[in-house]
C-alpha cells in the first residue's frame, strides 16, 4: 500500500485510482495503529501480571518458611 501511495503521489492526483488507494491506505494505517496500541497494552498487562505473580510467589515462600519454623518448634 505504501508503494502504491508513493507512486500515486508522484503522478497526477487526478488519477482515478488515487482516492480509493488513499482511503485504503488511511484505513490500514489506522488499523495498524490500533493493533500496535493493543499490543502495547497487552505487553504492559503481561508485565503487571508477572510482577504480581512474583509478589505472590514471594509471599508463599515467606509463609512456607513460617510454617516450617512452626513445625520445627512443635517437633
PDB file of N, CA and C in Angstrom:
ATOM      1  N   UNK A   1       0.831  -1.194   0.000  1.00  0.00           N
ATOM      2  CA  UNK A   1       0.000   0.000   0.000  1.00  0.00           C
ATOM      3  C   UNK A   1       0.876   1.258   0.000  1.00  0.00           C
ATOM      4  N   UNK A   2       1.929   1.214   0.799  1.00  0.00           N
ATOM      5  CA  UNK A   2       2.808   2.392   0.851  1.00  0.00           C
ATOM      6  C   UNK A   2       3.427   2.655  -0.524  1.00  0.00           C
ATOM      7  N   UNK A   3       3.801   1.572  -1.227  1.00  0.00           N
ATOM      8  CA  UNK A   3       4.381   1.703  -2.566  1.00  0.00           C
ATOM      9  C   UNK A   3       3.372   2.368  -3.510  1.00  0.00           C
ATOM     10  N   UNK A   4       2.118   1.891  -3.486  1.00  0.00           N
ATOM     11  CA  UNK A   4       1.091   2.493  -4.338  1.00  0.00           C
ATOM     12  C   UNK A   4       0.869   3.960  -3.983  1.00  0.00           C
ATOM     13  N   UNK A   5       0.858   4.244  -2.701  1.00  0.00           N
ATOM     14  CA  UNK A   5       0.649   5.629  -2.261  1.00  0.00           C
ATOM     15  C   UNK A   5       1.780   6.519  -2.785  1.00  0.00           C
ATOM     16  N   UNK A   6       3.021   6.068  -2.593  1.00  0.00           N
ATOM     17  CA  UNK A   6       4.162   6.863  -3.055  1.00  0.00           C
ATOM     18  C   UNK A   6       4.147   7.028  -4.572  1.00  0.00           C
ATOM     19  N   UNK A   7       3.800   5.965  -5.274  1.00  0.00           N
ATOM     20  CA  UNK A   7       3.735   6.016  -6.731  1.00  0.00           C
ATOM     21  C   UNK A   7       2.676   7.021  -7.183  1.00  0.00           C
ATOM     22  N   UNK A   8       1.516   6.977  -6.547  1.00  0.00           N
ATOM     23  CA  UNK A   8       0.435   7.888  -6.928  1.00  0.00           C
ATOM     24  C   UNK A   8       0.764   9.334  -6.575  1.00  0.00           C
ATOM     25  N   UNK A   9       1.510   9.540  -5.509  1.00  0.00           N
ATOM     26  CA  UNK A   9       1.859  10.914  -5.147  1.00  0.00           C
ATOM     27  C   UNK A   9       2.771  11.532  -6.200  1.00  0.00           C
ATOM     28  N   UNK A  10       3.543  10.679  -6.870  1.00  0.00           N
ATOM     29  CA  UNK A  10       4.420  11.183  -7.919  1.00  0.00           C
ATOM     30  C   UNK A  10       3.637  11.488  -9.195  1.00  0.00           C
ATOM     31  N   UNK A  11       2.504  10.817  -9.326  1.00  0.00           N
ATOM     32  CA  UNK A  11       1.680  11.030 -10.524  1.00  0.00           C
ATOM     33  C   UNK A  11       0.656  12.135 -10.255  1.00  0.00           C
ATOM     34  N   UNK A  12      -0.136  12.344 -11.244  1.00  0.00           N
ATOM     35  CA  UNK A  12      -1.196  13.344 -11.150  1.00  0.00           C
ATOM     36  C   UNK A  12      -2.243  12.906 -10.128  1.00  0.00           C
ATOM     37  N   UNK A  13      -2.633  13.795  -9.248  1.00  0.00           N
ATOM     38  CA  UNK A  13      -3.630  13.499  -8.229  1.00  0.00           C
ATOM     39  C   UNK A  13      -4.993  13.244  -8.869  1.00  0.00           C
ATOM     40  N   UNK A  14      -5.177  13.653 -10.084  1.00  0.00           N
ATOM     41  CA  UNK A  14      -6.441  13.422 -10.789  1.00  0.00           C
ATOM     42  C   UNK A  14      -6.609  11.965 -11.219  1.00  0.00           C
ATOM     43  N   UNK A  15      -5.597  11.160 -11.002  1.00  0.00           N
ATOM     44  CA  UNK A  15      -5.679   9.738 -11.339  1.00  0.00           C
ATOM     45  C   UNK A  15      -6.885   9.137 -10.610  1.00  0.00           C
ATOM     46  N   UNK A  16      -7.754   8.392 -11.314  1.00  0.00           N
ATOM     47  CA  UNK A  16      -8.955   7.836 -10.674  1.00  0.00           C
ATOM     48  C   UNK A  16      -8.645   6.828  -9.568  1.00  0.00           C
ATOM     49  N   UNK A  17      -7.446   6.266  -9.550  1.00  0.00           N
ATOM     50  CA  UNK A  17      -7.073   5.310  -8.510  1.00  0.00           C
ATOM     51  C   UNK A  17      -6.626   6.001  -7.225  1.00  0.00           C
ATOM     52  N   UNK A  18      -6.334   7.275  -7.319  1.00  0.00           N
ATOM     53  CA  UNK A  18      -5.743   7.993  -6.190  1.00  0.00           C
ATOM     54  C   UNK A  18      -6.621   7.945  -4.933  1.00  0.00           C
ATOM     55  N   UNK A  19      -7.852   8.357  -5.051  1.00  0.00           N
ATOM     56  CA  UNK A  19      -8.716   8.455  -3.865  1.00  0.00           C
ATOM     57  C   UNK A  19      -8.990   7.101  -3.209  1.00  0.00           C
ATOM     58  N   UNK A  20      -9.364   6.049  -3.952  1.00  0.00           N
ATOM     59  CA  UNK A  20      -9.605   4.752  -3.301  1.00  0.00           C
ATOM     60  C   UNK A  20      -8.368   4.198  -2.596  1.00  0.00           C
ATOM     61  N   UNK A  21      -7.210   4.360  -3.238  1.00  0.00           N
ATOM     62  CA  UNK A  21      -5.984   3.846  -2.619  1.00  0.00           C
ATOM     63  C   UNK A  21      -5.644   4.652  -1.374  1.00  0.00           C
ATOM     64  N   UNK A  22      -5.815   5.961  -1.429  1.00  0.00           N
ATOM     65  CA  UNK A  22      -5.530   6.788  -0.258  1.00  0.00           C
ATOM     66  C   UNK A  22      -6.480   6.465   0.895  1.00  0.00           C
ATOM     67  N   UNK A  23      -7.748   6.200   0.573  1.00  0.00           N
ATOM     68  CA  UNK A  23      -8.699   5.819   1.619  1.00  0.00           C
ATOM     69  C   UNK A  23      -8.296   4.497   2.240  1.00  0.00           C
ATOM     70  N   UNK A  24      -7.906   3.539   1.397  1.00  0.00           N
ATOM     71  CA  UNK A  24      -7.484   2.223   1.891  1.00  0.00           C
ATOM     72  C   UNK A  24      -6.211   2.355   2.724  1.00  0.00           C
ATOM     73  N   UNK A  25      -5.277   3.161   2.237  1.00  0.00           N
ATOM     74  CA  UNK A  25      -4.039   3.388   2.980  1.00  0.00           C
ATOM     75  C   UNK A  25      -4.333   3.999   4.348  1.00  0.00           C
ATOM     76  N   UNK A  26      -5.237   4.945   4.368  1.00  0.00           N
ATOM     77  CA  UNK A  26      -5.629   5.596   5.622  1.00  0.00           C
ATOM     78  C   UNK A  26      -6.258   4.590   6.576  1.00  0.00           C
ATOM     79  N   UNK A  27      -7.164   3.762   6.042  1.00  0.00           N
ATOM     80  CA  UNK A  27      -7.833   2.763   6.882  1.00  0.00           C
ATOM     81  C   UNK A  27      -6.827   1.755   7.421  1.00  0.00           C
ATOM     82  N   UNK A  28      -5.901   1.309   6.571  1.00  0.00           N
ATOM     83  CA  UNK A  28      -4.879   0.363   7.019  1.00  0.00           C
ATOM     84  C   UNK A  28      -3.952   0.997   8.055  1.00  0.00           C
ATOM     85  N   UNK A  29      -3.622   2.254   7.865  1.00  0.00           N
ATOM     86  CA  UNK A  29      -2.764   2.947   8.833  1.00  0.00           C
ATOM     87  C   UNK A  29      -3.446   3.041  10.194  1.00  0.00           C
ATOM     88  N   UNK A  30      -4.737   3.337  10.188  1.00  0.00           N
ATOM     89  CA  UNK A  30      -5.480   3.415  11.447  1.00  0.00           C
ATOM     90  C   UNK A  30      -5.566   2.037  12.104  1.00  0.00           C
ATOM     91  N   UNK A  31      -5.819   1.015  11.289  1.00  0.00           N
ATOM     92  CA  UNK A  31      -5.899  -0.350  11.826  1.00  0.00           C
ATOM     93  C   UNK A  31      -4.555  -0.775  12.411  1.00  0.00           C
ATOM     94  N   UNK A  32      -3.476  -0.462  11.725  1.00  0.00           N
ATOM     95  CA  UNK A  32      -2.140  -0.775  12.206  1.00  0.00           C
ATOM     96  C   UNK A  32      -1.868  -0.077  13.542  1.00  0.00           C
ATOM     97  N   UNK A  33      -2.228   1.184  13.626  1.00  0.00           N
ATOM     98  CA  UNK A  33      -2.022   1.938  14.873  1.00  0.00           C
ATOM     99  C   UNK A  33      -2.824   1.318  16.013  1.00  0.00           C
ATOM    100  N   UNK A  34      -4.046   0.878  15.732  1.00  0.00           N
ATOM    101  CA  UNK A  34      -4.872   0.262  16.767  1.00  0.00           C
ATOM    102  C   UNK A  34      -4.274  -1.070  17.220  1.00  0.00           C
ATOM    103  N   UNK A  35      -3.808  -1.874  16.272  1.00  0.00           N
ATOM    104  CA  UNK A  35      -3.194  -3.161  16.616  1.00  0.00           C
ATOM    105  C   UNK A  35      -1.937  -2.920  17.454  1.00  0.00           C
ATOM    106  N   UNK A  36      -1.149  -1.970  17.055  1.00  0.00           N
ATOM    107  CA  UNK A  36       0.073  -1.648  17.811  1.00  0.00           C
ATOM    108  C   UNK A  36      -0.277  -1.197  19.230  1.00  0.00           C
ATOM    109  N   UNK A  37      -1.292  -0.364  19.350  1.00  0.00           N
ATOM    110  CA  UNK A  37      -1.741   0.105  20.663  1.00  0.00           C
ATOM    111  C   UNK A  37      -2.202  -1.071  21.520  1.00  0.00           C
ATOM    112  N   UNK A  38      -2.976  -1.981  20.924  1.00  0.00           N
ATOM    113  CA  UNK A  38      -3.450  -3.159  21.656  1.00  0.00           C
ATOM    114  C   UNK A  38      -2.294  -4.044  22.100  1.00  0.00           C
ATOM    115  N   UNK A  39      -1.286  -4.204  21.251  1.00  0.00           N
ATOM    116  CA  UNK A  39      -0.116  -4.997  21.619  1.00  0.00           C
ATOM    117  C   UNK A  39       0.648  -4.352  22.768  1.00  0.00           C
ATOM    118  N   UNK A  40       0.779  -3.048  22.728  1.00  0.00           N
ATOM    119  CA  UNK A  40       1.468  -2.348  23.819  1.00  0.00           C
ATOM    120  C   UNK A  40       0.700  -2.509  25.126  1.00  0.00           C
ATOM    121  N   UNK A  41      -0.632  -2.388  25.065  1.00  0.00           N
ATOM    122  CA  UNK A  41      -1.446  -2.580  26.267  1.00  0.00           C
ATOM    123  C   UNK A  41      -1.313  -3.994  26.797  1.00  0.00           C
ATOM    124  N   UNK A  42      -1.342  -4.967  25.907  1.00  0.00           N
ATOM    125  CA  UNK A  42      -1.207  -6.366  26.312  1.00  0.00           C
ATOM    126  C   UNK A  42       0.147  -6.614  26.966  1.00  0.00           C
ATOM    127  N   UNK A  43       1.169  -6.024  26.398  1.00  0.00           N
ATOM    128  CA  UNK A  43       2.515  -6.174  26.951  1.00  0.00           C
ATOM    129  C   UNK A  43       2.590  -5.588  28.358  1.00  0.00           C
ATOM    130  N   UNK A  44       1.995  -4.416  28.552  1.00  0.00           N
ATOM    131  CA  UNK A  44       2.000  -3.795  29.888  1.00  0.00           C
ATOM    132  C   UNK A  44       1.212  -4.653  30.884  1.00  0.00           C
ATOM    133  N   UNK A  45       0.077  -5.199  30.454  1.00  0.00           N
ATOM    134  CA  UNK A  45      -0.716  -6.061  31.330  1.00  0.00           C
ATOM    135  C   UNK A  45       0.062  -7.317  31.693  1.00  0.00           C
ATOM    136  N   UNK A  46       0.777  -7.896  30.719  1.00  0.00           N
ATOM    137  CA  UNK A  46       1.571  -9.085  30.986  1.00  0.00           C
ATOM    138  C   UNK A  46       2.666  -8.778  32.009  1.00  0.00           C
ATOM    139  N   UNK A  47       3.343  -7.663  31.838  1.00  0.00           N
ATOM    140  CA  UNK A  47       4.382  -7.278  32.791  1.00  0.00           C
ATOM    141  C   UNK A  47       3.793  -7.078  34.181  1.00  0.00           C
ATOM    142  N   UNK A  48       2.633  -6.453  34.260  1.00  0.00           N
ATOM    143  CA  UNK A  48       1.961  -6.244  35.537  1.00  0.00           C
ATOM    144  C   UNK A  48       1.620  -7.582  36.192  1.00  0.00           C
ATOM    145  N   UNK A  49       1.103  -8.509  35.391  1.00  0.00           N
ATOM    146  CA  UNK A  49       0.747  -9.824  35.926  1.00  0.00           C
ATOM    147  C   UNK A  49       1.992 -10.574  36.394  1.00  0.00           C
ATOM    148  N   UNK A  50       3.088 -10.449  35.670  1.00  0.00           N
ATOM    149  CA  UNK A  50       4.330 -11.091  36.083  1.00  0.00           C
ATOM    150  C   UNK A  50       4.815 -10.537  37.422  1.00  0.00           C
ATOM    151  N   UNK A  51       4.700  -9.232  37.588  1.00  0.00           N
ATOM    152  CA  UNK A  51       5.109  -8.616  38.854  1.00  0.00           C
ATOM    153  C   UNK A  51       4.222  -9.108  40.000  1.00  0.00           C
ATOM    154  N   UNK A  52       2.917  -9.206  39.747  1.00  0.00           N
ATOM    155  CA  UNK A  52       2.001  -9.703  40.772  1.00  0.00           C
ATOM    156  C   UNK A  52       2.312 -11.156  41.117  1.00  0.00           C
ATOM    157  N   UNK A  53       2.609 -11.969  40.094  1.00  0.00           N
ATOM    158  CA  UNK A  53       2.945 -13.375  40.319  1.00  0.00           C
ATOM    159  C   UNK A  53       4.222 -13.494  41.157  1.00  0.00           C
ATOM    160  N   UNK A  54       5.206 -12.664  40.871  1.00  0.00           N
ATOM    161  CA  UNK A  54       6.442 -12.698  41.652  1.00  0.00           C
ATOM    162  C   UNK A  54       6.152 -12.320  43.098  1.00  0.00           C
ATOM    163  N   UNK A  55       5.286 -11.342  43.292  1.00  0.00           N
ATOM    164  CA  UNK A  55       4.904 -10.949  44.647  1.00  0.00           C
ATOM    165  C   UNK A  55       4.185 -12.077  45.374  1.00  0.00           C
ATOM    166  N   UNK A  56       3.290 -12.758  44.676  1.00  0.00           N
ATOM    167  CA  UNK A  56       2.580 -13.884  45.289  1.00  0.00           C
ATOM    168  C   UNK A  56       3.531 -15.039  45.600  1.00  0.00           C
ATOM    169  N   UNK A  57       4.452 -15.321  44.698  1.00  0.00           N
ATOM    170  CA  UNK A  57       5.438 -16.378  44.938  1.00  0.00           C
ATOM    171  C   UNK A  57       6.309 -16.044  46.150  1.00  0.00           C
ATOM    172  N   UNK A  58       6.674 -14.792  46.279  1.00  0.00           N
ATOM    173  CA  UNK A  58       7.483 -14.358  47.429  1.00  0.00           C
ATOM    174  C   UNK A  58       6.691 -14.534  48.724  1.00  0.00           C
ATOM    175  N   UNK A  59       5.402 -14.156  48.681  1.00  0.00           N
ATOM    176  CA  UNK A  59       4.555 -14.309  49.863  1.00  0.00           C
ATOM    177  C   UNK A  59       4.381 -15.784  50.240  1.00  0.00           C
ATOM    178  N   UNK A  60       4.164 -16.637  49.249  1.00  0.00           N
ATOM    179  CA  UNK A  60       4.016 -18.076  49.515  1.00  0.00           C
ATOM    180  C   UNK A  60       5.299 -18.619  50.127  1.00  0.00           C
ATOM    181  N   UNK A  61       6.429 -18.230  49.573  1.00  0.00           N
ATOM    182  CA  UNK A  61       7.720 -18.684  50.097  1.00  0.00           C
ATOM    183  C   UNK A  61       7.894 -18.246  51.548  1.00  0.00           C
ATOM    184  N   UNK A  62       7.542 -17.003  51.825  1.00  0.00           N
ATOM    185  CA  UNK A  62       7.662 -16.472  53.187  1.00  0.00           C
ATOM    186  C   UNK A  62       6.762 -17.255  54.159  1.00  0.00           C
ATOM    187  N   UNK A  63       5.526 -17.500  53.760  1.00  0.00           N
ATOM    188  CA  UNK A  63       4.591 -18.236  54.615  1.00  0.00           C
ATOM    189  C   UNK A  63       5.031 -19.685  54.817  1.00  0.00           C
ATOM    190  N   UNK A  64       5.617 -20.282  53.771  1.00  0.00           N
ATOM    191  CA  UNK A  64       6.114 -21.659  53.901  1.00  0.00           C
ATOM    192  C   UNK A  64       7.254 -21.715  54.916  1.00  0.00           C
ATOM    193  N   UNK A  65       8.121 -20.718  54.924  1.00  0.00           N
ATOM    194  CA  UNK A  65       9.208 -20.674  55.896  1.00  0.00           C
ATOM    195  C   UNK A  65       8.647 -20.569  57.317  1.00  0.00           C
ATOM    196  N   UNK A  66       7.620 -19.738  57.480  1.00  0.00           N
ATOM    197  CA  UNK A  66       6.995 -19.594  58.805  1.00  0.00           C
ATOM    198  C   UNK A  66       6.406 -20.926  59.243  1.00  0.00           C
ATOM    199  N   UNK A  67       5.708 -21.616  58.339  1.00  0.00           N
ATOM    200  CA  UNK A  67       5.111 -22.920  58.674  1.00  0.00           C
ATOM    201  C   UNK A  67       6.198 -23.920  59.029  1.00  0.00           C
ATOM    202  N   UNK A  68       7.281 -23.941  58.270  1.00  0.00           N
ATOM    203  CA  UNK A  68       8.384 -24.860  58.557  1.00  0.00           C
ATOM    204  C   UNK A  68       8.990 -24.569  59.918  1.00  0.00           C
ATOM    205  N   UNK A  69       9.142 -23.285  60.239  1.00  0.00           N
ATOM    206  CA  UNK A  69       9.707 -22.917  61.547  1.00  0.00           C
ATOM    207  C   UNK A  69       8.769 -23.343  62.679  1.00  0.00           C
ATOM    208  N   UNK A  70       7.465 -23.142  62.477  1.00  0.00           N
ATOM    209  CA  UNK A  70       6.496 -23.556  63.491  1.00  0.00           C
ATOM    210  C   UNK A  70       6.494 -25.060  63.655  1.00  0.00           C
ATOM    211  N   UNK A  71       6.608 -25.800  62.567  1.00  0.00           N
ATOM    212  CA  UNK A  71       6.655 -27.260  62.643  1.00  0.00           C
ATOM    213  C   UNK A  71       7.929 -27.741  63.337  1.00  0.00           C
ATOM    214  N   UNK A  72       9.040 -27.053  63.119  1.00  0.00           N
ATOM    215  CA  UNK A  72      10.297 -27.425  63.756  1.00  0.00           C
ATOM    216  C   UNK A  72      10.208 -27.185  65.259  1.00  0.00           C
ATOM    217  N   UNK A  73       9.540 -26.123  65.681  1.00  0.00           N
ATOM    218  CA  UNK A  73       9.396 -25.799  67.103  1.00  0.00           C
ATOM    219  C   UNK A  73       8.470 -26.832  67.756  1.00  0.00           C
ATOM    220  N   UNK A  74       7.422 -27.269  67.080  1.00  0.00           N
ATOM    221  CA  UNK A  74       6.469 -28.227  67.604  1.00  0.00           C
ATOM    222  C   UNK A  74       7.078 -29.629  67.736  1.00  0.00           C
ATOM    223  N   UNK A  75       8.125 -29.925  66.965  1.00  0.00           N
ATOM    224  CA  UNK A  75       8.684 -31.284  66.960  1.00  0.00           C
ATOM    225  C   UNK A  75       9.500 -31.555  68.165  1.00  0.00           C
TER     226      UNK A  75
END
